PDB file of N, CA and C in Angstrom:
ATOM      1  N   MET A   1     119.883  80.097 106.987  1.00  0.00           N
ATOM      2  CA  MET A   1     119.263  80.537 108.214  1.00  0.00           C
ATOM      3  C   MET A   1     118.724  79.315 108.982  1.00  0.00           C
ATOM      4  N   GLU A   2     118.997  79.301 110.248  1.00  0.00           N
ATOM      5  CA  GLU A   2     118.528  78.209 111.132  1.00  0.00           C
ATOM      6  C   GLU A   2     117.115  78.552 111.628  1.00  0.00           C
ATOM      7  N   HIS A   3     116.457  77.532 112.107  1.00  0.00           N
ATOM      8  CA  HIS A   3     115.087  77.710 112.645  1.00  0.00           C
ATOM      9  C   HIS A   3     115.002  78.843 113.684  1.00  0.00           C
ATOM     10  N   GLU A   4     115.890  78.808 114.660  1.00  0.00           N
ATOM     11  CA  GLU A   4     115.873  79.804 115.736  1.00  0.00           C
ATOM     12  C   GLU A   4     116.105  81.222 115.243  1.00  0.00           C
ATOM     13  N   GLN A   5     116.851  81.369 114.168  1.00  0.00           N
ATOM     14  CA  GLN A   5     117.092  82.708 113.638  1.00  0.00           C
ATOM     15  C   GLN A   5     115.826  83.358 113.144  1.00  0.00           C
ATOM     16  N   PHE A   6     114.873  82.550 112.662  1.00  0.00           N
ATOM     17  CA  PHE A   6     113.644  83.105 112.187  1.00  0.00           C
ATOM     18  C   PHE A   6     112.933  83.892 113.293  1.00  0.00           C
ATOM     19  N   ILE A   7     112.893  83.315 114.470  1.00  0.00           N
ATOM     20  CA  ILE A   7     112.219  83.956 115.601  1.00  0.00           C
ATOM     21  C   ILE A   7     112.846  85.316 115.891  1.00  0.00           C
ATOM     22  N   GLU A   8     114.176  85.366 115.931  1.00  0.00           N
ATOM     23  CA  GLU A   8     114.871  86.652 116.158  1.00  0.00           C
ATOM     24  C   GLU A   8     114.537  87.655 115.133  1.00  0.00           C
ATOM     25  N   LEU A   9     114.567  87.243 113.830  1.00  0.00           N
ATOM     26  CA  LEU A   9     114.275  88.143 112.729  1.00  0.00           C
ATOM     27  C   LEU A   9     112.806  88.628 112.799  1.00  0.00           C
ATOM     28  N   TYR A  10     111.931  87.709 113.107  1.00  0.00           N
ATOM     29  CA  TYR A  10     110.497  88.040 113.172  1.00  0.00           C
ATOM     30  C   TYR A  10     110.212  89.026 114.315  1.00  0.00           C
ATOM     31  N   GLU A  11     110.789  88.809 115.471  1.00  0.00           N
ATOM     32  CA  GLU A  11     110.596  89.740 116.580  1.00  0.00           C
ATOM     33  C   GLU A  11     111.128  91.148 116.219  1.00  0.00           C
ATOM     34  N   ARG A  12     112.318  91.159 115.608  1.00  0.00           N
ATOM     35  CA  ARG A  12     112.896  92.433 115.183  1.00  0.00           C
ATOM     36  C   ARG A  12     112.035  93.154 114.126  1.00  0.00           C
ATOM     37  N   ALA A  13     111.546  92.378 113.194  1.00  0.00           N
ATOM     38  CA  ALA A  13     110.687  92.973 112.110  1.00  0.00           C
ATOM     39  C   ALA A  13     109.422  93.535 112.746  1.00  0.00           C
ATOM     40  N   LEU A  14     108.784  92.782 113.628  1.00  0.00           N
ATOM     41  CA  LEU A  14     107.557  93.273 114.276  1.00  0.00           C
ATOM     42  C   LEU A  14     107.853  94.565 115.088  1.00  0.00           C
ATOM     43  N   ALA A  15     108.984  94.552 115.753  1.00  0.00           N
ATOM     44  CA  ALA A  15     109.349  95.741 116.587  1.00  0.00           C
ATOM     45  C   ALA A  15     109.523  96.982 115.741  1.00  0.00           C
ATOM     46  N   SER A  16     109.892  96.804 114.484  1.00  0.00           N
ATOM     47  CA  SER A  16     110.092  97.968 113.604  1.00  0.00           C
ATOM     48  C   SER A  16     108.759  98.617 113.255  1.00  0.00           C
ATOM     49  N   GLN A  17     107.659  97.897 113.414  1.00  0.00           N
ATOM     50  CA  GLN A  17     106.341  98.365 113.030  1.00  0.00           C
ATOM     51  C   GLN A  17     106.298  98.828 111.575  1.00  0.00           C
ATOM     52  N   ASN A  18     107.036  98.097 110.761  1.00  0.00           N
ATOM     53  CA  ASN A  18     107.125  98.434 109.297  1.00  0.00           C
ATOM     54  C   ASN A  18     106.856  97.169 108.503  1.00  0.00           C
ATOM     55  N   TRP A  19     105.821  97.132 107.744  1.00  0.00           N
ATOM     56  CA  TRP A  19     105.464  95.960 106.960  1.00  0.00           C
ATOM     57  C   TRP A  19     106.587  95.534 106.016  1.00  0.00           C
ATOM     58  N   GLY A  20     107.312  96.467 105.475  1.00  0.00           N
ATOM     59  CA  GLY A  20     108.441  96.147 104.633  1.00  0.00           C
ATOM     60  C   GLY A  20     109.451  95.251 105.230  1.00  0.00           C
ATOM     61  N   ASN A  21     109.600  95.290 106.553  1.00  0.00           N
ATOM     62  CA  ASN A  21     110.549  94.472 107.273  1.00  0.00           C
ATOM     63  C   ASN A  21     109.939  93.070 107.604  1.00  0.00           C
ATOM     64  N   VAL A  22     108.603  93.023 107.759  1.00  0.00           N
ATOM     65  CA  VAL A  22     107.899  91.789 108.063  1.00  0.00           C
ATOM     66  C   VAL A  22     107.637  90.981 106.812  1.00  0.00           C
ATOM     67  N   GLU A  23     107.312  91.638 105.745  1.00  0.00           N
ATOM     68  CA  GLU A  23     106.852  90.996 104.537  1.00  0.00           C
ATOM     69  C   GLU A  23     107.707  89.844 104.019  1.00  0.00           C
ATOM     70  N   PRO A  24     109.051  89.967 104.000  1.00  0.00           N
ATOM     71  CA  PRO A  24     109.908  88.837 103.497  1.00  0.00           C
ATOM     72  C   PRO A  24     109.803  87.594 104.357  1.00  0.00           C
ATOM     73  N   LEU A  25     109.259  87.689 105.567  1.00  0.00           N
ATOM     74  CA  LEU A  25     109.172  86.584 106.472  1.00  0.00           C
ATOM     75  C   LEU A  25     107.796  85.908 106.462  1.00  0.00           C
ATOM     76  N   ILE A  26     106.899  86.326 105.596  1.00  0.00           N
ATOM     77  CA  ILE A  26     105.526  85.811 105.502  1.00  0.00           C
ATOM     78  C   ILE A  26     105.340  85.094 104.188  1.00  0.00           C
ATOM     79  N   ALA A  27     104.849  83.859 104.254  1.00  0.00           N
ATOM     80  CA  ALA A  27     104.553  83.073 103.060  1.00  0.00           C
ATOM     81  C   ALA A  27     103.305  83.624 102.355  1.00  0.00           C
ATOM     82  N   GLU A  28     103.227  83.440 101.045  1.00  0.00           N
ATOM     83  CA  GLU A  28     102.104  83.939 100.274  1.00  0.00           C
ATOM     84  C   GLU A  28     100.769  83.399 100.756  1.00  0.00           C
ATOM     85  N   ASN A  29     100.755  82.113 101.165  1.00  0.00           N
ATOM     86  CA  ASN A  29      99.492  81.493 101.598  1.00  0.00           C
ATOM     87  C   ASN A  29      99.316  81.487 103.077  1.00  0.00           C
ATOM     88  N   ALA A  30      99.945  82.410 103.777  1.00  0.00           N
ATOM     89  CA  ALA A  30      99.939  82.483 105.255  1.00  0.00           C
ATOM     90  C   ALA A  30      98.531  82.632 105.803  1.00  0.00           C
ATOM     91  N   ALA A  31      98.329  82.136 107.010  1.00  0.00           N
ATOM     92  CA  ALA A  31      97.048  82.355 107.748  1.00  0.00           C
ATOM     93  C   ALA A  31      97.473  82.764 109.178  1.00  0.00           C
ATOM     94  N   VAL A  32      96.934  83.873 109.655  1.00  0.00           N
ATOM     95  CA  VAL A  32      97.263  84.367 110.965  1.00  0.00           C
ATOM     96  C   VAL A  32      95.950  84.573 111.737  1.00  0.00           C
ATOM     97  N   THR A  33      95.857  84.037 112.919  1.00  0.00           N
ATOM     98  CA  THR A  33      94.700  84.215 113.804  1.00  0.00           C
ATOM     99  C   THR A  33      95.171  85.012 114.998  1.00  0.00           C
ATOM    100  N   PHE A  34      94.545  86.202 115.176  1.00  0.00           N
ATOM    101  CA  PHE A  34      94.880  87.033 116.336  1.00  0.00           C
ATOM    102  C   PHE A  34      94.192  86.498 117.615  1.00  0.00           C
ATOM    103  N   SER A  35      94.611  86.952 118.722  1.00  0.00           N
ATOM    104  CA  SER A  35      94.036  86.486 119.996  1.00  0.00           C
ATOM    105  C   SER A  35      92.591  86.821 120.197  1.00  0.00           C
ATOM    106  N   ASN A  36      92.059  87.804 119.389  1.00  0.00           N
ATOM    107  CA  ASN A  36      90.632  88.121 119.475  1.00  0.00           C
ATOM    108  C   ASN A  36      89.796  87.178 118.547  1.00  0.00           C
ATOM    109  N   GLY A  37      90.454  86.246 117.875  1.00  0.00           N
ATOM    110  CA  GLY A  37      89.753  85.316 117.002  1.00  0.00           C
ATOM    111  C   GLY A  37      89.715  85.669 115.558  1.00  0.00           C
ATOM    112  N   ASN A  38      90.087  86.902 115.209  1.00  0.00           N
ATOM    113  CA  ASN A  38      90.066  87.329 113.804  1.00  0.00           C
ATOM    114  C   ASN A  38      91.113  86.542 113.005  1.00  0.00           C
ATOM    115  N   LEU A  39      90.709  85.963 111.859  1.00  0.00           N
ATOM    116  CA  LEU A  39      91.546  85.182 110.998  1.00  0.00           C
ATOM    117  C   LEU A  39      91.831  85.944 109.702  1.00  0.00           C
ATOM    118  N   PHE A  40      93.095  85.991 109.316  1.00  0.00           N
ATOM    119  CA  PHE A  40      93.518  86.662 108.096  1.00  0.00           C
ATOM    120  C   PHE A  40      94.217  85.639 107.221  1.00  0.00           C
ATOM    121  N   LYS A  41      93.725  85.511 105.982  1.00  0.00           N
ATOM    122  CA  LYS A  41      94.260  84.508 105.045  1.00  0.00           C
ATOM    123  C   LYS A  41      94.945  85.147 103.880  1.00  0.00           C
ATOM    124  N   ARG A  42      96.052  84.552 103.448  1.00  0.00           N
ATOM    125  CA  ARG A  42      96.842  85.033 102.357  1.00  0.00           C
ATOM    126  C   ARG A  42      97.655  86.284 102.805  1.00  0.00           C
ATOM    127  N   LYS A  43      98.737  86.501 102.187  1.00  0.00           N
ATOM    128  CA  LYS A  43      99.672  87.568 102.581  1.00  0.00           C
ATOM    129  C   LYS A  43      99.006  88.946 102.521  1.00  0.00           C
ATOM    130  N   ILE A  44      98.151  89.208 101.540  1.00  0.00           N
ATOM    131  CA  ILE A  44      97.564  90.518 101.414  1.00  0.00           C
ATOM    132  C   ILE A  44      96.629  90.838 102.624  1.00  0.00           C
ATOM    133  N   GLU A  45      95.869  89.844 103.134  1.00  0.00           N
ATOM    134  CA  GLU A  45      95.063  90.096 104.319  1.00  0.00           C
ATOM    135  C   GLU A  45      95.939  90.227 105.570  1.00  0.00           C
ATOM    136  N   VAL A  46      96.963  89.424 105.668  1.00  0.00           N
ATOM    137  CA  VAL A  46      97.871  89.516 106.779  1.00  0.00           C
ATOM    138  C   VAL A  46      98.535  90.917 106.816  1.00  0.00           C
ATOM    139  N   GLN A  47      98.926  91.362 105.648  1.00  0.00           N
ATOM    140  CA  GLN A  47      99.512  92.708 105.547  1.00  0.00           C
ATOM    141  C   GLN A  47      98.561  93.757 106.089  1.00  0.00           C
ATOM    142  N   GLY A  48      97.316  93.728 105.636  1.00  0.00           N
ATOM    143  CA  GLY A  48      96.316  94.713 106.116  1.00  0.00           C
ATOM    144  C   GLY A  48      96.162  94.693 107.633  1.00  0.00           C
ATOM    145  N   ALA A  49      96.120  93.477 108.195  1.00  0.00           N
ATOM    146  CA  ALA A  49      95.924  93.338 109.645  1.00  0.00           C
ATOM    147  C   ALA A  49      97.164  93.878 110.402  1.00  0.00           C
ATOM    148  N   PHE A  50      98.349  93.510 109.933  1.00  0.00           N
ATOM    149  CA  PHE A  50      99.558  93.991 110.603  1.00  0.00           C
ATOM    150  C   PHE A  50      99.687  95.500 110.456  1.00  0.00           C
ATOM    151  N   GLU A  51      99.441  96.040 109.284  1.00  0.00           N
ATOM    152  CA  GLU A  51      99.584  97.503 109.122  1.00  0.00           C
ATOM    153  C   GLU A  51      98.547  98.248 109.972  1.00  0.00           C
ATOM    154  N   LYS A  52      97.332  97.668 110.111  1.00  0.00           N
ATOM    155  CA  LYS A  52      96.346  98.280 111.012  1.00  0.00           C
ATOM    156  C   LYS A  52      96.845  98.304 112.435  1.00  0.00           C
ATOM    157  N   ASN A  53      97.432  97.207 112.885  1.00  0.00           N
ATOM    158  CA  ASN A  53      98.008  97.154 114.243  1.00  0.00           C
ATOM    159  C   ASN A  53      99.173  98.134 114.396  1.00  0.00           C
ATOM    160  N   PHE A  54     100.027  98.171 113.400  1.00  0.00           N
ATOM    161  CA  PHE A  54     101.189  99.104 113.461  1.00  0.00           C
ATOM    162  C   PHE A  54     100.725 100.548 113.621  1.00  0.00           C
ATOM    163  N   SER A  55      99.646 100.938 112.904  1.00  0.00           N
ATOM    164  CA  SER A  55      99.211 102.316 112.993  1.00  0.00           C
ATOM    165  C   SER A  55      98.418 102.584 114.250  1.00  0.00           C
ATOM    166  N   ALA A  56      97.776 101.568 114.818  1.00  0.00           N
ATOM    167  CA  ALA A  56      96.961 101.753 116.014  1.00  0.00           C
ATOM    168  C   ALA A  56      97.763 101.696 117.315  1.00  0.00           C
ATOM    169  N   ILE A  57      98.824 100.906 117.345  1.00  0.00           N
ATOM    170  CA  ILE A  57      99.583 100.699 118.553  1.00  0.00           C
ATOM    171  C   ILE A  57     100.943 101.423 118.405  1.00  0.00           C
ATOM    172  N   LYS A  58     101.082 102.478 119.120  1.00  0.00           N
ATOM    173  CA  LYS A  58     102.331 103.265 119.078  1.00  0.00           C
ATOM    174  C   LYS A  58     103.330 102.707 120.106  1.00  0.00           C
ATOM    175  N   ASN A  59     104.609 102.785 119.751  1.00  0.00           N
ATOM    176  CA  ASN A  59     105.708 102.339 120.657  1.00  0.00           C
ATOM    177  C   ASN A  59     105.489 100.913 121.120  1.00  0.00           C
ATOM    178  N   GLU A  60     104.981 100.060 120.231  1.00  0.00           N
ATOM    179  CA  GLU A  60     104.730  98.665 120.640  1.00  0.00           C
ATOM    180  C   GLU A  60     106.024  97.918 120.923  1.00  0.00           C
ATOM    181  N   LYS A  61     106.000  97.161 121.976  1.00  0.00           N
ATOM    182  CA  LYS A  61     107.084  96.217 122.305  1.00  0.00           C
ATOM    183  C   LYS A  61     106.459  94.845 122.345  1.00  0.00           C
ATOM    184  N   TYR A  62     106.968  93.923 121.558  1.00  0.00           N
ATOM    185  CA  TYR A  62     106.415  92.568 121.430  1.00  0.00           C
ATOM    186  C   TYR A  62     107.526  91.593 121.686  1.00  0.00           C
ATOM    187  N   ALA A  63     107.278  90.589 122.511  1.00  0.00           N
ATOM    188  CA  ALA A  63     108.320  89.612 122.847  1.00  0.00           C
ATOM    189  C   ALA A  63     107.703  88.214 122.947  1.00  0.00           C
ATOM    190  N   MET A  64     108.505  87.234 122.520  1.00  0.00           N
ATOM    191  CA  MET A  64     108.121  85.848 122.678  1.00  0.00           C
ATOM    192  C   MET A  64     109.105  85.188 123.636  1.00  0.00           C
ATOM    193  N   GLN A  65     108.547  84.350 124.526  1.00  0.00           N
ATOM    194  CA  GLN A  65     109.351  83.602 125.497  1.00  0.00           C
ATOM    195  C   GLN A  65     108.876  82.137 125.524  1.00  0.00           C
ATOM    196  N   ASN A  66     109.617  81.326 126.257  1.00  0.00           N
ATOM    197  CA  ASN A  66     109.256  79.915 126.461  1.00  0.00           C
ATOM    198  C   ASN A  66     108.994  79.236 125.132  1.00  0.00           C
ATOM    199  N   ILE A  67     109.902  79.409 124.174  1.00  0.00           N
ATOM    200  CA  ILE A  67     109.796  78.775 122.884  1.00  0.00           C
ATOM    201  C   ILE A  67     109.954  77.260 123.058  1.00  0.00           C
ATOM    202  N   HIS A  68     109.040  76.518 122.508  1.00  0.00           N
ATOM    203  CA  HIS A  68     109.067  75.056 122.499  1.00  0.00           C
ATOM    204  C   HIS A  68     108.961  74.560 121.094  1.00  0.00           C
ATOM    205  N   TRP A  69     110.006  73.942 120.610  1.00  0.00           N
ATOM    206  CA  TRP A  69     110.007  73.376 119.254  1.00  0.00           C
ATOM    207  C   TRP A  69     109.277  72.047 119.258  1.00  0.00           C
ATOM    208  N   VAL A  70     108.146  72.001 118.582  1.00  0.00           N
ATOM    209  CA  VAL A  70     107.319  70.790 118.459  1.00  0.00           C
ATOM    210  C   VAL A  70     107.917  69.872 117.369  1.00  0.00           C
ATOM    211  N   LEU A  71     108.385  70.535 116.293  1.00  0.00           N
ATOM    212  CA  LEU A  71     108.890  69.805 115.135  1.00  0.00           C
ATOM    213  C   LEU A  71     109.977  70.663 114.462  1.00  0.00           C
ATOM    214  N   LYS A  72     111.086  70.062 114.109  1.00  0.00           N
ATOM    215  CA  LYS A  72     112.137  70.706 113.375  1.00  0.00           C
ATOM    216  C   LYS A  72     112.550  69.801 112.229  1.00  0.00           C
ATOM    217  N   LYS A  73     112.226  70.178 111.012  1.00  0.00           N
ATOM    218  CA  LYS A  73     112.623  69.437 109.825  1.00  0.00           C
ATOM    219  C   LYS A  73     113.331  70.410 108.909  1.00  0.00           C
ATOM    220  N   PRO A  74     114.066  69.931 107.897  1.00  0.00           N
ATOM    221  CA  PRO A  74     114.789  70.840 107.012  1.00  0.00           C
ATOM    222  C   PRO A  74     113.893  71.849 106.255  1.00  0.00           C
ATOM    223  N   THR A  75     112.623  71.468 106.017  1.00  0.00           N
ATOM    224  CA  THR A  75     111.743  72.379 105.231  1.00  0.00           C
ATOM    225  C   THR A  75     110.532  72.878 106.012  1.00  0.00           C
ATOM    226  N   MET A  76     110.401  72.455 107.280  1.00  0.00           N
ATOM    227  CA  MET A  76     109.218  72.836 108.027  1.00  0.00           C
ATOM    228  C   MET A  76     109.521  72.756 109.533  1.00  0.00           C
ATOM    229  N   ALA A  77     108.936  73.655 110.303  1.00  0.00           N
ATOM    230  CA  ALA A  77     109.107  73.630 111.758  1.00  0.00           C
ATOM    231  C   ALA A  77     107.826  74.159 112.405  1.00  0.00           C
ATOM    232  N   VAL A  78     107.581  73.705 113.611  1.00  0.00           N
ATOM    233  CA  VAL A  78     106.426  74.137 114.399  1.00  0.00           C
ATOM    234  C   VAL A  78     106.940  74.478 115.793  1.00  0.00           C
ATOM    235  N   TYR A  79     106.492  75.601 116.337  1.00  0.00           N
ATOM    236  CA  TYR A  79     106.884  75.968 117.694  1.00  0.00           C
ATOM    237  C   TYR A  79     105.738  76.610 118.406  1.00  0.00           C
ATOM    238  N   THR A  80     105.712  76.463 119.740  1.00  0.00           N
ATOM    239  CA  THR A  80     104.771  77.192 120.579  1.00  0.00           C
ATOM    240  C   THR A  80     105.544  78.187 121.399  1.00  0.00           C
ATOM    241  N   PHE A  81     104.838  79.192 121.923  1.00  0.00           N
ATOM    242  CA  PHE A  81     105.525  80.277 122.630  1.00  0.00           C
ATOM    243  C   PHE A  81     104.492  81.033 123.453  1.00  0.00           C
ATOM    244  N   ASP A  82     104.999  81.761 124.461  1.00  0.00           N
ATOM    245  CA  ASP A  82     104.250  82.719 125.182  1.00  0.00           C
ATOM    246  C   ASP A  82     104.593  84.089 124.627  1.00  0.00           C
ATOM    247  N   PHE A  83     103.629  85.005 124.564  1.00  0.00           N
ATOM    248  CA  PHE A  83     103.933  86.343 124.056  1.00  0.00           C
ATOM    249  C   PHE A  83     103.406  87.432 125.008  1.00  0.00           C
ATOM    250  N   ASN A  84     104.007  88.559 124.910  1.00  0.00           N
ATOM    251  CA  ASN A  84     103.472  89.759 125.615  1.00  0.00           C
ATOM    252  C   ASN A  84     103.763  90.957 124.781  1.00  0.00           C
ATOM    253  N   TRP A  85     102.926  91.928 124.908  1.00  0.00           N
ATOM    254  CA  TRP A  85     103.118  93.169 124.166  1.00  0.00           C
ATOM    255  C   TRP A  85     102.654  94.359 125.072  1.00  0.00           C
ATOM    256  N   THR A  86     103.254  95.488 124.816  1.00  0.00           N
ATOM    257  CA  THR A  86     102.813  96.764 125.459  1.00  0.00           C
ATOM    258  C   THR A  86     102.881  97.830 124.377  1.00  0.00           C
ATOM    259  N   GLY A  87     102.089  98.842 124.554  1.00  0.00           N
ATOM    260  CA  GLY A  87     102.045  99.908 123.582  1.00  0.00           C
ATOM    261  C   GLY A  87     101.039 100.965 124.006  1.00  0.00           C
ATOM    262  N   ILE A  88     100.973 102.017 123.187  1.00  0.00           N
ATOM    263  CA  ILE A  88     100.051 103.142 123.417  1.00  0.00           C
ATOM    264  C   ILE A  88      98.959 103.084 122.371  1.00  0.00           C
ATOM    265  N   ILE A  89      97.703 102.969 122.825  1.00  0.00           N
ATOM    266  CA  ILE A  89      96.545 102.986 121.923  1.00  0.00           C
ATOM    267  C   ILE A  89      95.670 104.168 122.311  1.00  0.00           C
ATOM    268  N   ASN A  90      95.429 105.111 121.422  1.00  0.00           N
ATOM    269  CA  ASN A  90      94.627 106.280 121.681  1.00  0.00           C
ATOM    270  C   ASN A  90      95.093 107.011 122.959  1.00  0.00           C
ATOM    271  N   GLY A  91      96.417 107.094 123.097  1.00  0.00           N
ATOM    272  CA  GLY A  91      97.004 107.831 124.244  1.00  0.00           C
ATOM    273  C   GLY A  91      97.058 107.056 125.534  1.00  0.00           C
ATOM    274  N   GLU A  92      96.573 105.828 125.564  1.00  0.00           N
ATOM    275  CA  GLU A  92      96.512 105.063 126.802  1.00  0.00           C
ATOM    276  C   GLU A  92      97.440 103.838 126.695  1.00  0.00           C
ATOM    277  N   LYS A  93      98.210 103.626 127.762  1.00  0.00           N
ATOM    278  CA  LYS A  93      99.120 102.466 127.788  1.00  0.00           C
ATOM    279  C   LYS A  93      98.273 101.168 127.878  1.00  0.00           C
ATOM    280  N   MET A  94      98.580 100.246 126.999  1.00  0.00           N
ATOM    281  CA  MET A  94      97.866  98.980 126.944  1.00  0.00           C
ATOM    282  C   MET A  94      98.858  97.822 126.924  1.00  0.00           C
ATOM    283  N   GLN A  95      98.414  96.646 127.274  1.00  0.00           N
ATOM    284  CA  GLN A  95      99.271  95.495 127.258  1.00  0.00           C
ATOM    285  C   GLN A  95      98.419  94.251 126.999  1.00  0.00           C
ATOM    286  N   GLY A  96      99.078  93.190 126.613  1.00  0.00           N
ATOM    287  CA  GLY A  96      98.426  91.918 126.412  1.00  0.00           C
ATOM    288  C   GLY A  96      99.429  90.782 126.514  1.00  0.00           C
ATOM    289  N   VAL A  97      98.905  89.606 126.858  1.00  0.00           N
ATOM    290  CA  VAL A  97      99.707  88.414 126.972  1.00  0.00           C
ATOM    291  C   VAL A  97      98.914  87.223 126.359  1.00  0.00           C
ATOM    292  N   GLY A  98      99.635  86.188 126.068  1.00  0.00           N
ATOM    293  CA  GLY A  98      98.937  84.981 125.607  1.00  0.00           C
ATOM    294  C   GLY A  98      99.914  83.923 125.179  1.00  0.00           C
ATOM    295  N   ARG A  99      99.387  82.991 124.424  1.00  0.00           N
ATOM    296  CA  ARG A  99     100.165  81.848 123.952  1.00  0.00           C
ATOM    297  C   ARG A  99      99.934  81.695 122.471  1.00  0.00           C
ATOM    298  N   GLY A 100     100.974  81.253 121.736  1.00  0.00           N
ATOM    299  CA  GLY A 100     100.853  81.123 120.309  1.00  0.00           C
ATOM    300  C   GLY A 100     101.469  79.807 119.800  1.00  0.00           C
ATOM    301  N   THR A 101     101.042  79.460 118.589  1.00  0.00           N
ATOM    302  CA  THR A 101     101.637  78.350 117.849  1.00  0.00           C
ATOM    303  C   THR A 101     101.891  78.837 116.433  1.00  0.00           C
ATOM    304  N   SER A 102     103.100  78.596 115.958  1.00  0.00           N
ATOM    305  CA  SER A 102     103.492  79.006 114.609  1.00  0.00           C
ATOM    306  C   SER A 102     104.062  77.829 113.822  1.00  0.00           C
ATOM    307  N   VAL A 103     103.803  77.899 112.531  1.00  0.00           N
ATOM    308  CA  VAL A 103     104.385  76.924 111.564  1.00  0.00           C
ATOM    309  C   VAL A 103     105.174  77.747 110.592  1.00  0.00           C
ATOM    310  N   ILE A 104     106.434  77.350 110.382  1.00  0.00           N
ATOM    311  CA  ILE A 104     107.299  78.052 109.417  1.00  0.00           C
ATOM    312  C   ILE A 104     107.746  77.030 108.374  1.00  0.00           C
ATOM    313  N   ILE A 105     107.957  77.520 107.151  1.00  0.00           N
ATOM    314  CA  ILE A 105     108.447  76.681 106.094  1.00  0.00           C
ATOM    315  C   ILE A 105     109.708  77.315 105.484  1.00  0.00           C
ATOM    316  N   ASN A 106     110.553  76.454 104.959  1.00  0.00           N
ATOM    317  CA  ASN A 106     111.810  76.918 104.326  1.00  0.00           C
ATOM    318  C   ASN A 106     111.587  77.003 102.843  1.00  0.00           C
ATOM    319  N   GLU A 107     111.619  78.226 102.312  1.00  0.00           N
ATOM    320  CA  GLU A 107     111.486  78.438 100.877  1.00  0.00           C
ATOM    321  C   GLU A 107     112.832  78.956 100.348  1.00  0.00           C
ATOM    322  N   ASN A 108     113.526  78.107  99.626  1.00  0.00           N
ATOM    323  CA  ASN A 108     114.830  78.481  99.031  1.00  0.00           C
ATOM    324  C   ASN A 108     115.768  79.071 100.086  1.00  0.00           C
ATOM    325  N   GLY A 109     115.859  78.429 101.214  1.00  0.00           N
ATOM    326  CA  GLY A 109     116.796  78.813 102.266  1.00  0.00           C
ATOM    327  C   GLY A 109     116.325  79.935 103.181  1.00  0.00           C
ATOM    328  N   ILE A 110     115.082  80.395 102.973  1.00  0.00           N
ATOM    329  CA  ILE A 110     114.520  81.445 103.804  1.00  0.00           C
ATOM    330  C   ILE A 110     113.314  80.923 104.560  1.00  0.00           C
ATOM    331  N   TRP A 111     113.347  81.012 105.906  1.00  0.00           N
ATOM    332  CA  TRP A 111     112.207  80.575 106.697  1.00  0.00           C
ATOM    333  C   TRP A 111     111.112  81.653 106.617  1.00  0.00           C
ATOM    334  N   LYS A 112     109.879  81.180 106.432  1.00  0.00           N
ATOM    335  CA  LYS A 112     108.734  82.055 106.338  1.00  0.00           C
ATOM    336  C   LYS A 112     107.570  81.527 107.152  1.00  0.00           C
ATOM    337  N   LEU A 113     106.850  82.451 107.743  1.00  0.00           N
ATOM    338  CA  LEU A 113     105.664  82.092 108.542  1.00  0.00           C
ATOM    339  C   LEU A 113     104.565  81.696 107.606  1.00  0.00           C
ATOM    340  N   VAL A 114     103.997  80.468 107.856  1.00  0.00           N
ATOM    341  CA  VAL A 114     102.882  80.057 107.026  1.00  0.00           C
ATOM    342  C   VAL A 114     101.596  80.001 107.899  1.00  0.00           C
ATOM    343  N   SER A 115     101.748  79.895 109.194  1.00  0.00           N
ATOM    344  CA  SER A 115     100.557  79.889 110.070  1.00  0.00           C
ATOM    345  C   SER A 115     100.981  80.351 111.450  1.00  0.00           C
ATOM    346  N   GLU A 116     100.110  81.230 112.025  1.00  0.00           N
ATOM    347  CA  GLU A 116     100.318  81.680 113.374  1.00  0.00           C
ATOM    348  C   GLU A 116      98.966  81.782 114.031  1.00  0.00           C
ATOM    349  N   HIS A 117      98.843  81.179 115.227  1.00  0.00           N
ATOM    350  CA  HIS A 117      97.573  81.288 115.959  1.00  0.00           C
ATOM    351  C   HIS A 117      97.889  81.792 117.320  1.00  0.00           C
ATOM    352  N   LEU A 118      97.337  82.935 117.698  1.00  0.00           N
ATOM    353  CA  LEU A 118      97.546  83.545 119.014  1.00  0.00           C
ATOM    354  C   LEU A 118      96.287  83.407 119.801  1.00  0.00           C
ATOM    355  N   GLY A 119      96.428  83.199 121.100  1.00  0.00           N
ATOM    356  CA  GLY A 119      95.288  83.084 121.976  1.00  0.00           C
ATOM    357  C   GLY A 119      95.634  83.442 123.413  1.00  0.00           C
ATOM    358  N   PRO A 120      94.565  83.529 124.210  1.00  0.00           N
ATOM    359  CA  PRO A 120      94.825  83.862 125.637  1.00  0.00           C
ATOM    360  C   PRO A 120      95.371  82.682 126.404  1.00  0.00           C
ATOM    361  N   PHE A 121      95.956  82.965 127.576  1.00  0.00           N
ATOM    362  CA  PHE A 121      96.283  81.918 128.498  1.00  0.00           C
ATOM    363  C   PHE A 121      94.992  81.337 129.025  1.00  0.00           C
ATOM    364  N   PRO A 122      95.029  80.096 129.442  1.00  0.00           N
ATOM    365  CA  PRO A 122      93.812  79.472 130.030  1.00  0.00           C
ATOM    366  C   PRO A 122      93.407  80.195 131.345  1.00  0.00           C
ATOM    367  N   LYS A 123      92.127  80.282 131.578  1.00  0.00           N
ATOM    368  CA  LYS A 123      91.641  80.894 132.827  1.00  0.00           C
ATOM    369  C   LYS A 123      91.885  79.932 133.981  1.00  0.00           C
ATOM    370  N   LYS A 124      92.327  80.490 135.087  1.00  0.00           N
ATOM    371  CA  LYS A 124      92.637  79.650 136.269  1.00  0.00           C
ATOM    372  C   LYS A 124      91.454  79.572 137.195  1.00  0.00           C
TER     373      LYS A 124
END
């Protein structure tokens, strides 16, 4: 699997809103920071956070654009991106946008997310 393929797989897995599809793409020692500042460490905490989002946000659409590869090595890569999402929360259409940075590592030929930090765009 190439570096770029990870992003495609990750977007598809998130779109499924099924942890079983996301889980193989997450490293055991992963750390994920959501745009509200909440930090989740280790795969078990990341799972809980993602499953909570999956159940709270119905019909979620999540997309990453403007991918910028900061580093590409055979065993590690870092990229930044813009993201946007839409979905239904408590019957109301909601949306969000922001910017993220992710670090992925290659474990036995499989790219896995080891760190993701999401945040808002800067205020103008």
